[in-house]
Amino acid sequence: MMDPRETFFATFEGLENALAADEILLCNFLGEQSDFIRLNNNAVVQAGHVRQLELEFRLIRDHRSANAIATVSGMTDQDIQQCQTVLESLRRQTKTIPEDPYLSFNRNVENTDTTDDNRLLPPAQVIEGIVSESQGLDLVGLYAAGRVYRGFANSLGQRNWYARSSFNFDWSCYREANKAVKNRYAGFCWEQDDFSSRTRTARQTLQLLAKPQKTIPPGQYRVFLAAEAVQEILGTVSWQGFGAKNLHTRQSPLLRLIEKTESLSPSISICQNNRDGMAPDFTSSGFLKPPLVGLIKNGQHAGSLVNARSAMEFGLQVNAESEFPDSLELGSGSLATADVLETLDTGLYISNLWYTNYSDPNDCRITGMTRFACFMVENGKIVFPISPMRFDESLYRMFGENLVAITGEQQWILSNDTYYRRSVSSARMPGLLIDRFSLTL
């Protein structure tokens, strides 16, 4: 097979030559070469390799556009022949569909090429390190790693390319009943020492889970939310909270923040960090993304994510592929990770949350359940694990008047979504210390 970059651009040029004078073609390339290895009871139970190449087409003619997607082989002549059939189908569609008033694509030719060095270790070496380090643990997890490709080309002459290699190991260590420790480790080069440190921490946490689990009464508690719990909350807010469309149609759960009737703590700053995220620096319509998009700055609304259609509808500048963040970052603070329990003093250490949803969108109030490895802490010492409980709390309280401290360390969390293809979404999250956090049952 040819190099994916050469294959994509050669295929597009073959299609470009067949266009009529009044047609514009946009094409996106989505590819990956990935290893997937599943473990159970600290042993490999399934392993596979996926090579997937897809082309997404958008044919534009007379303010009308038609879309299609095709799986291709990487053999240029064969792919051109297949895609010409798709192109003919799109031509027929553009004759019957109505004009699109919000049709938008980049008409300025802006070429980019982002290609990193592949520093991934061979999968067998990584798995050997996992199994060796995790002897005696009931470990279950999924290791996904490989190279992801994204490309854009249009018949105006624009060419963009992105190729990046990463790994994501999502695993849990099970003890008994509902007692388990969940972990994630993601990056660009596997560091065995880093994984060993995480495994030692998991072993220590499993020992704490051996203590009898207790049910605590509902009420308001001082809590520490670990990075993954914070990500769960902001992931829910992201459903409608940061997009320009939801802002202008007054459907955002952050409407009170936007209208300045509510504010968050001055310590809270949130952005879309395209510069350090995993997603490509261009959109499927050919617009280049800015390195940073400020969403909340010092507790105040600072901006929104604007996709191509919203930009056309509301007269804005495109800064995102989607109005759901794919490189969300919550700014860090000054609380040292080593000092979390001492600073918490007496309260709850919450490692994970799940089943989060809105209980009152108007107040940006969120409900959900505590999950893995959550503990009661007294005088800076973990005393026992707690039974799962439901929380119900407003973002304006959690990230506002009740926020005590933010950790100086952020965790990089790479999405483990692989439903259609490996996701390129990621987040950088610190932990939060919060007063009067409401547990309802």
Protein backbone atom coordinates (compact mmCIF):
# COMPACT_ATOMS: atom_id res chain seq x y z
CA MET A 1 0.00 0.00 0.00
CA MET A 2 1.17 3.54 -0.74
CA ASP A 3 1.70 6.04 2.02
CA PRO A 4 -1.79 7.11 3.29
CA ARG A 5 -1.04 10.77 2.58
CA GLU A 6 0.01 10.08 -1.00
CA THR A 7 -2.93 7.73 -1.48
CA PHE A 8 -5.46 10.30 -0.32
CA PHE A 9 -4.19 13.21 -2.38
CA ALA A 10 -3.67 11.07 -5.49
CA THR A 11 -7.21 9.73 -5.22
CA PHE A 12 -8.61 13.22 -4.77
CA GLU A 13 -6.74 14.55 -7.79
CA GLY A 14 -8.24 11.76 -9.89
CA LEU A 15 -11.72 12.86 -8.83
CA GLU A 16 -10.92 16.56 -9.15
CA ASN A 17 -10.18 16.09 -12.85
CA ALA A 18 -13.72 14.82 -13.40
CA LEU A 19 -15.48 17.86 -11.89
CA ALA A 20 -17.63 20.21 -13.94
CA ALA A 21 -16.78 23.92 -13.98
CA ASP A 22 -19.61 24.83 -11.58
CA GLU A 23 -18.85 22.08 -9.03
CA ILE A 24 -16.77 22.27 -5.85
CA LEU A 25 -15.67 19.11 -4.10
CA LEU A 26 -14.61 18.84 -0.46
CA CYS A 27 -13.09 15.58 0.71
CA ASN A 28 -12.04 14.35 4.15
CA PHE A 29 -9.81 11.36 4.80
CA LEU A 30 -10.31 9.33 8.00
CA GLY A 31 -7.86 6.52 8.54
CA GLU A 32 -6.17 4.48 11.22
CA GLN A 33 -3.89 1.51 11.75
CA SER A 34 -4.63 0.34 15.28
CA ASP A 35 -3.97 -2.56 17.61
CA PHE A 36 -6.69 -3.56 20.06
CA ILE A 37 -5.83 -5.94 22.89
CA ARG A 38 -8.33 -6.95 25.56
CA LEU A 39 -7.26 -8.39 28.91
CA ASN A 40 -9.21 -10.23 31.58
CA ASN A 41 -7.83 -11.58 34.88
CA ASN A 42 -4.48 -10.09 33.79
CA ALA A 43 -4.27 -12.24 30.66
CA VAL A 44 -4.85 -11.52 26.97
CA VAL A 45 -8.24 -12.79 25.84
CA GLN A 46 -8.55 -11.02 22.48
CA ALA A 47 -6.14 -9.25 20.13
CA GLY A 48 -6.64 -7.72 16.72
CA HIS A 49 -5.34 -5.19 14.23
CA VAL A 50 -7.56 -2.75 12.32
CA ARG A 51 -6.59 -0.93 9.13
CA GLN A 52 -9.40 1.39 8.09
CA LEU A 53 -9.49 4.05 5.36
CA GLU A 54 -12.56 6.18 4.60
CA LEU A 55 -13.32 9.16 2.38
CA GLU A 56 -16.10 11.63 3.14
CA PHE A 57 -17.31 13.61 0.12
CA ARG A 58 -19.24 16.86 -0.09
CA LEU A 59 -20.22 18.01 -3.57
CA ILE A 60 -21.34 21.65 -3.79
CA ARG A 61 -23.25 23.15 -6.68
CA ASP A 62 -25.54 26.21 -6.85
CA HIS A 63 -25.68 26.63 -3.04
CA ARG A 64 -26.64 22.99 -2.67
CA SER A 65 -24.52 20.22 -1.17
CA ALA A 66 -24.75 16.45 -1.01
CA ASN A 67 -22.65 14.17 1.19
CA ALA A 68 -21.46 10.57 1.09
CA ILE A 69 -18.86 8.35 2.74
CA ALA A 70 -16.96 5.48 1.18
CA THR A 71 -14.57 2.88 2.55
CA VAL A 72 -11.50 2.66 0.32
CA SER A 73 -8.66 0.19 -0.10
CA GLY A 74 -5.60 2.41 -0.47
CA MET A 75 -5.08 1.24 -4.07
CA THR A 76 -5.40 4.51 -5.95
CA ASP A 77 -6.75 3.38 -9.34
CA GLN A 78 -9.35 1.13 -7.75
CA ASP A 79 -10.38 3.83 -5.27
CA ILE A 80 -10.76 6.48 -8.00
CA GLN A 81 -13.03 4.20 -9.99
CA GLN A 82 -15.16 3.44 -6.93
CA CYS A 83 -15.37 7.09 -5.87
CA GLN A 84 -16.35 8.29 -9.34
CA THR A 85 -19.51 6.21 -8.94
CA VAL A 86 -20.15 7.96 -5.61
CA LEU A 87 -19.55 11.33 -7.30
CA GLU A 88 -22.18 10.59 -9.95
CA SER A 89 -24.69 9.75 -7.24
CA LEU A 90 -23.99 13.07 -5.50
CA ARG A 91 -24.50 14.95 -8.78
CA ARG A 92 -27.98 13.49 -9.09
CA GLN A 93 -28.77 14.48 -5.53
CA THR A 94 -27.72 18.12 -6.00
CA LYS A 95 -30.32 18.47 -8.74
CA THR A 96 -33.21 17.66 -6.41
CA ILE A 97 -32.31 19.03 -2.96
CA PRO A 98 -33.11 22.63 -1.88
CA GLU A 99 -30.56 25.39 -1.47
CA ASP A 100 -28.81 25.48 1.91
CA PRO A 101 -28.88 28.99 3.45
CA TYR A 102 -26.12 28.10 5.95
CA LEU A 103 -23.77 26.35 3.55
CA SER A 104 -20.26 27.29 4.61
CA PHE A 105 -16.74 26.16 3.73
CA ASN A 106 -13.31 27.74 3.65
CA ARG A 107 -12.72 29.55 0.37
CA ASN A 108 -9.22 30.66 1.38
CA VAL A 109 -6.52 28.14 0.54
CA GLU A 110 -4.67 27.33 3.80
CA ASN A 111 -2.40 24.30 3.62
CA THR A 112 -1.02 22.48 6.68
CA ASP A 113 0.91 19.30 7.43
CA THR A 114 1.09 17.94 10.99
CA THR A 115 2.97 14.65 11.20
CA ASP A 116 4.61 13.37 14.39
CA ASP A 117 7.21 10.69 14.93
CA ASN A 118 5.80 7.28 15.76
CA ARG A 119 7.23 6.53 19.23
CA LEU A 120 4.90 3.66 20.12
CA LEU A 121 6.42 0.48 21.48
CA PRO A 122 5.55 -2.89 19.88
CA PRO A 123 2.25 -4.12 21.36
CA ALA A 124 3.81 -7.36 22.60
CA GLN A 125 6.37 -5.40 24.63
CA VAL A 126 3.67 -3.23 26.22
CA ILE A 127 1.43 -6.18 27.10
CA GLU A 128 4.37 -8.09 28.57
CA GLY A 129 5.05 -5.09 30.82
CA ILE A 130 1.39 -4.86 31.87
CA VAL A 131 1.05 -8.55 32.72
CA SER A 132 4.38 -8.68 34.54
CA GLU A 133 3.66 -5.59 36.64
CA SER A 134 0.10 -6.69 37.45
CA GLN A 135 0.85 -10.20 38.76
CA GLY A 136 -1.71 -11.20 41.38
CA LEU A 137 -4.26 -8.58 40.28
CA ASP A 138 -7.62 -9.32 38.69
CA LEU A 139 -7.01 -6.80 35.92
CA VAL A 140 -9.46 -6.21 33.07
CA GLY A 141 -8.86 -3.63 30.38
CA LEU A 142 -8.47 -2.58 26.76
CA TYR A 143 -5.22 -1.41 25.20
CA ALA A 144 -5.73 0.57 21.96
CA ALA A 145 -2.78 2.04 20.10
CA GLY A 146 -1.66 3.01 16.64
CA ARG A 147 -1.53 5.76 14.07
CA VAL A 148 -4.52 7.95 13.26
CA TYR A 149 -4.79 9.90 10.00
CA ARG A 150 -6.96 12.85 9.02
CA GLY A 151 -6.83 14.74 5.75
CA PHE A 152 -8.71 17.47 3.90
CA ALA A 153 -8.65 18.47 0.25
CA ASN A 154 -10.87 20.66 -1.90
CA SER A 155 -11.02 21.56 -5.56
CA LEU A 156 -9.98 25.14 -4.73
CA GLY A 157 -6.47 23.84 -4.12
CA GLN A 158 -6.38 23.41 -0.33
CA ARG A 159 -4.54 20.46 1.21
CA ASN A 160 -4.33 19.59 4.93
CA TRP A 161 -2.80 16.53 6.55
CA TYR A 162 -2.60 15.16 10.08
CA ALA A 163 -0.96 11.94 11.29
CA ARG A 164 -0.39 11.08 14.95
CA SER A 165 0.40 8.00 17.01
CA SER A 166 -0.97 7.44 20.50
CA PHE A 167 -1.97 4.74 22.95
CA ASN A 168 -4.80 4.48 25.47
CA PHE A 169 -4.99 1.83 28.18
CA ASP A 170 -8.32 1.82 30.02
CA TRP A 171 -8.29 -0.74 32.83
CA SER A 172 -9.74 -1.72 36.20
CA CYS A 173 -8.49 -3.90 39.06
CA TYR A 174 -11.33 -5.83 40.66
CA ARG A 175 -11.52 -6.95 44.29
CA GLU A 176 -15.00 -8.23 45.04
CA ALA A 177 -18.69 -7.34 44.71
CA ASN A 178 -18.75 -3.70 43.55
CA LYS A 179 -15.23 -2.91 44.75
CA ALA A 180 -12.76 -2.02 42.01
CA VAL A 181 -10.14 0.57 41.11
CA LYS A 182 -10.38 2.19 37.68
CA ASN A 183 -7.42 3.69 35.82
CA ARG A 184 -6.51 5.30 32.53
CA TYR A 185 -3.08 5.75 31.04
CA ALA A 186 -2.71 7.48 27.66
CA GLY A 187 0.11 9.11 25.79
CA PHE A 188 2.47 8.96 22.82
CA CYS A 189 5.24 6.73 24.21
CA TRP A 190 4.62 4.01 26.79
CA GLU A 191 6.71 4.57 29.95
CA GLN A 192 6.90 1.40 32.01
CA ASP A 193 7.98 3.30 35.12
CA ASP A 194 4.89 5.49 34.86
CA PHE A 195 2.62 2.46 34.52
CA SER A 196 4.39 0.75 37.45
CA SER A 197 3.70 3.77 39.63
CA ARG A 198 0.01 3.71 38.70
CA THR A 199 -0.15 -0.01 39.45
CA ARG A 200 1.41 0.45 42.89
CA THR A 201 -1.22 3.08 43.64
CA ALA A 202 -3.94 0.69 42.49
CA ARG A 203 -2.63 -2.03 44.82
CA GLN A 204 -2.67 0.40 47.76
CA THR A 205 -6.23 1.45 46.91
CA LEU A 206 -7.35 -2.18 46.71
CA GLN A 207 -6.01 -2.71 50.22
CA LEU A 208 -8.14 0.21 51.41
CA LEU A 209 -11.16 -1.33 49.66
CA ALA A 210 -10.67 -4.44 51.82
CA LYS A 211 -12.10 -2.48 54.75
CA PRO A 212 -15.85 -2.92 55.37
CA GLN A 213 -17.90 -0.65 53.12
CA LYS A 214 -20.27 1.70 54.93
CA THR A 215 -23.33 3.67 53.92
CA ILE A 216 -23.21 7.31 55.00
CA PRO A 217 -26.31 9.47 55.47
CA PRO A 218 -27.35 11.97 52.77
CA GLY A 219 -26.21 15.53 53.36
CA GLN A 220 -23.62 18.11 52.40
CA TYR A 221 -19.99 17.01 52.56
CA ARG A 222 -16.58 18.47 51.93
CA VAL A 223 -15.31 16.44 48.95
CA PHE A 224 -12.35 16.03 46.67
CA LEU A 225 -13.29 15.23 43.09
CA ALA A 226 -10.47 13.47 41.24
CA ALA A 227 -9.76 14.45 37.63
CA GLU A 228 -11.96 11.77 36.08
CA ALA A 229 -14.91 12.81 38.25
CA VAL A 230 -14.40 16.43 37.15
CA GLN A 231 -14.28 15.29 33.52
CA GLU A 232 -17.60 13.46 33.98
CA ILE A 233 -19.25 16.66 35.20
CA LEU A 234 -17.80 18.90 32.49
CA GLY A 235 -18.60 16.26 29.89
CA THR A 236 -22.26 16.66 30.81
CA VAL A 237 -22.01 20.46 30.70
CA SER A 238 -20.41 20.14 27.26
CA TRP A 239 -23.56 18.63 25.74
CA GLN A 240 -25.05 22.09 25.22
CA GLY A 241 -22.97 24.42 27.35
CA PHE A 242 -20.21 25.72 25.08
CA GLY A 243 -21.75 26.01 21.60
CA ALA A 244 -22.68 29.23 19.79
CA LYS A 245 -25.97 27.74 18.53
CA ASN A 246 -27.16 26.97 22.06
CA LEU A 247 -26.05 30.40 23.23
CA HIS A 248 -27.96 32.29 20.52
CA THR A 249 -31.08 30.13 20.89
CA ARG A 250 -30.94 30.47 24.69
CA GLN A 251 -30.74 26.71 25.22
CA SER A 252 -27.38 26.68 26.99
CA PRO A 253 -27.37 25.40 30.60
CA LEU A 254 -24.79 28.17 31.20
CA LEU A 255 -27.25 30.91 30.19
CA ARG A 256 -27.11 32.56 33.63
CA LEU A 257 -23.32 32.72 33.38
CA ILE A 258 -23.53 34.14 29.86
CA GLU A 259 -26.05 36.78 30.98
CA LYS A 260 -23.91 37.58 34.06
CA THR A 261 -26.62 36.79 36.61
CA GLU A 262 -24.33 34.02 37.90
CA SER A 263 -20.57 33.64 38.02
CA LEU A 264 -18.04 30.98 38.85
CA SER A 265 -14.96 31.21 41.03
CA PRO A 266 -12.24 33.52 39.64
CA SER A 267 -10.00 30.42 39.79
CA ILE A 268 -12.02 28.73 37.03
CA SER A 269 -10.77 29.07 33.45
CA ILE A 270 -11.87 26.67 30.72
CA CYS A 271 -10.74 26.55 27.12
CA GLN A 272 -10.66 24.42 24.02
CA ASN A 273 -6.94 23.65 23.79
CA ASN A 274 -6.46 22.75 20.13
CA ARG A 275 -2.71 23.26 20.42
CA ASP A 276 -2.17 20.39 22.90
CA GLY A 277 -5.14 18.17 22.05
CA MET A 278 -5.32 15.09 19.83
CA ALA A 279 -7.77 16.44 17.25
CA PRO A 280 -6.48 17.80 13.90
CA ASP A 281 -5.97 21.55 13.53
CA PHE A 282 -8.44 21.87 10.64
CA THR A 283 -12.17 21.22 10.25
CA SER A 284 -14.06 19.07 7.77
CA SER A 285 -14.96 22.29 5.91
CA GLY A 286 -11.33 23.35 5.60
CA PHE A 287 -11.21 26.04 8.28
CA LEU A 288 -8.11 26.16 10.47
CA LYS A 289 -8.65 26.07 14.22
CA PRO A 290 -7.02 28.66 16.51
CA PRO A 291 -4.57 27.22 19.07
CA LEU A 292 -6.83 28.19 22.00
CA VAL A 293 -10.52 29.10 22.29
CA GLY A 294 -11.38 30.71 25.62
CA LEU A 295 -14.75 29.56 26.99
CA ILE A 296 -14.63 30.70 30.62
CA LYS A 297 -11.96 33.04 31.96
CA ASN A 298 -11.57 33.85 35.66
CA GLY A 299 -15.12 32.66 36.32
CA GLN A 300 -16.76 34.68 33.55
CA HIS A 301 -18.09 33.65 30.15
CA ALA A 302 -15.38 34.30 27.55
CA GLY A 303 -16.52 32.75 24.27
CA SER A 304 -18.15 29.86 22.46
CA LEU A 305 -17.31 27.10 20.03
CA VAL A 306 -18.46 28.06 16.55
CA ASN A 307 -18.85 25.51 13.76
CA ALA A 308 -19.21 26.40 10.09
CA ARG A 309 -23.02 26.47 10.05
CA SER A 310 -23.35 28.63 13.16
CA ALA A 311 -20.74 30.99 11.76
CA MET A 312 -22.86 31.51 8.66
CA GLU A 313 -26.15 31.74 10.58
CA PHE A 314 -24.99 34.18 13.26
CA GLY A 315 -22.20 36.06 11.46
CA LEU A 316 -19.36 34.60 13.56
CA GLN A 317 -15.84 33.28 12.99
CA VAL A 318 -15.36 29.52 12.71
CA ASN A 319 -13.15 28.15 15.50
CA ALA A 320 -14.26 24.52 15.85
CA GLU A 321 -15.33 21.42 13.96
CA SER A 322 -18.15 20.76 16.39
CA GLU A 323 -19.79 22.81 19.12
CA PHE A 324 -19.05 19.95 21.51
CA PRO A 325 -15.45 20.38 22.76
CA ASP A 326 -12.92 17.77 21.69
CA SER A 327 -9.88 19.24 23.50
CA LEU A 328 -11.38 20.63 26.71
CA GLU A 329 -9.05 21.95 29.39
CA LEU A 330 -9.81 23.15 32.91
CA GLY A 331 -6.96 25.30 34.17
CA SER A 332 -4.88 24.06 37.09
CA GLY A 333 -4.48 25.61 40.53
CA SER A 334 -1.93 25.35 43.32
CA LEU A 335 -3.03 22.40 45.50
CA ALA A 336 -0.30 19.74 45.47
CA THR A 337 -1.58 16.23 44.80
CA ALA A 338 0.42 14.96 47.78
CA ASP A 339 -1.48 17.39 50.04
CA VAL A 340 -5.02 16.49 48.92
CA LEU A 341 -5.99 14.27 51.88
CA GLU A 342 -4.47 16.61 54.47
CA THR A 343 -6.25 19.62 52.94
CA LEU A 344 -9.53 17.70 52.64
CA ASP A 345 -9.16 16.86 56.36
CA THR A 346 -12.60 15.32 56.94
CA GLY A 347 -14.88 14.53 54.03
CA LEU A 348 -15.14 12.32 50.94
CA TYR A 349 -12.57 11.35 48.33
CA ILE A 350 -14.50 10.69 45.08
CA SER A 351 -12.51 8.97 42.33
CA ASN A 352 -15.24 8.48 39.74
CA LEU A 353 -18.77 9.53 38.86
CA TRP A 354 -21.16 8.05 36.31
CA TYR A 355 -24.74 8.21 35.03
CA THR A 356 -24.51 12.00 35.11
CA ASN A 357 -27.35 14.05 33.66
CA TYR A 358 -29.12 17.34 34.23
CA SER A 359 -31.63 17.52 37.06
CA ASP A 360 -32.30 21.23 36.32
CA PRO A 361 -30.65 22.64 33.16
CA ASN A 362 -31.73 26.20 34.01
CA ASP A 363 -29.56 26.09 37.14
CA CYS A 364 -26.92 23.91 35.45
CA ARG A 365 -27.74 21.38 38.15
CA ILE A 366 -26.30 17.93 37.59
CA THR A 367 -27.09 14.59 39.18
CA GLY A 368 -25.27 11.25 39.04
CA MET A 369 -23.76 8.44 41.07
CA THR A 370 -20.44 7.89 42.79
CA ARG A 371 -18.62 4.88 41.35
CA PHE A 372 -15.20 3.29 41.87
CA ALA A 373 -13.01 3.71 44.94
CA CYS A 374 -14.78 6.44 46.90
CA PHE A 375 -13.79 6.86 50.55
CA MET A 376 -14.60 8.59 53.81
CA VAL A 377 -11.63 10.61 55.05
CA GLU A 378 -11.14 11.72 58.67
CA ASN A 379 -8.31 13.96 59.84
CA GLY A 380 -6.53 13.50 56.52
CA LYS A 381 -6.66 9.68 56.64
CA ILE A 382 -8.83 7.32 54.60
CA VAL A 383 -10.99 5.35 57.07
CA PHE A 384 -13.42 3.26 54.98
CA PRO A 385 -14.93 2.93 51.49
CA ILE A 386 -18.46 4.28 51.05
CA SER A 387 -21.44 2.69 49.33
CA PRO A 388 -22.50 4.25 45.99
CA MET A 389 -24.52 7.42 46.49
CA ARG A 390 -26.40 9.92 44.33
CA PHE A 391 -25.30 13.54 44.14
CA ASP A 392 -27.31 16.54 42.95
CA GLU A 393 -25.44 19.80 42.69
CA SER A 394 -25.30 23.01 40.67
CA LEU A 395 -22.20 23.87 38.68
CA TYR A 396 -22.50 27.42 40.05
CA ARG A 397 -22.00 26.05 43.57
CA MET A 398 -19.39 23.38 42.76
CA PHE A 399 -17.27 25.65 40.56
CA GLY A 400 -18.34 28.83 42.31
CA GLU A 401 -18.98 29.74 45.93
CA ASN A 402 -18.13 26.25 47.26
CA LEU A 403 -14.85 25.76 45.38
CA VAL A 404 -11.93 25.57 47.82
CA ALA A 405 -8.92 24.56 45.71
CA ILE A 406 -7.73 23.16 42.38
CA THR A 407 -4.81 20.78 42.01
CA GLY A 408 -1.68 21.97 40.28
CA GLU A 409 -1.48 18.72 38.33
CA GLN A 410 -3.76 17.93 35.40
CA GLN A 411 -4.58 14.49 34.06
CA TRP A 412 -4.64 13.99 30.31
CA ILE A 413 -7.72 11.90 29.51
CA LEU A 414 -7.97 10.46 26.01
CA SER A 415 -11.42 9.33 24.91
CA ASN A 416 -11.81 5.54 24.80
CA ASP A 417 -14.55 5.71 22.16
CA THR A 418 -13.87 3.27 19.31
CA TYR A 419 -17.40 2.72 17.98
CA TYR A 420 -16.80 3.85 14.39
CA ARG A 421 -13.11 4.62 14.67
CA ARG A 422 -10.64 5.59 17.38
CA SER A 423 -11.66 8.94 18.80
CA VAL A 424 -9.27 11.90 18.73
CA SER A 425 -11.08 13.70 21.57
CA SER A 426 -9.18 14.41 24.77
CA ALA A 427 -9.33 16.52 27.93
CA ARG A 428 -6.96 17.94 30.55
CA MET A 429 -8.49 17.99 34.00
CA PRO A 430 -7.25 18.82 37.52
CA GLY A 431 -8.89 17.64 40.74
CA LEU A 432 -11.19 19.94 42.73
CA LEU A 433 -11.72 20.40 46.47
CA ILE A 434 -15.31 21.47 47.12
CA ASP A 435 -17.29 22.39 50.25
CA ARG A 436 -20.95 21.53 50.92
CA PHE A 437 -21.31 19.04 48.09
CA SER A 438 -24.85 17.60 48.17
CA LEU A 439 -25.40 13.83 48.36
CA THR A 440 -29.12 13.14 48.21
CA LEU A 441 -29.52 9.36 48.66
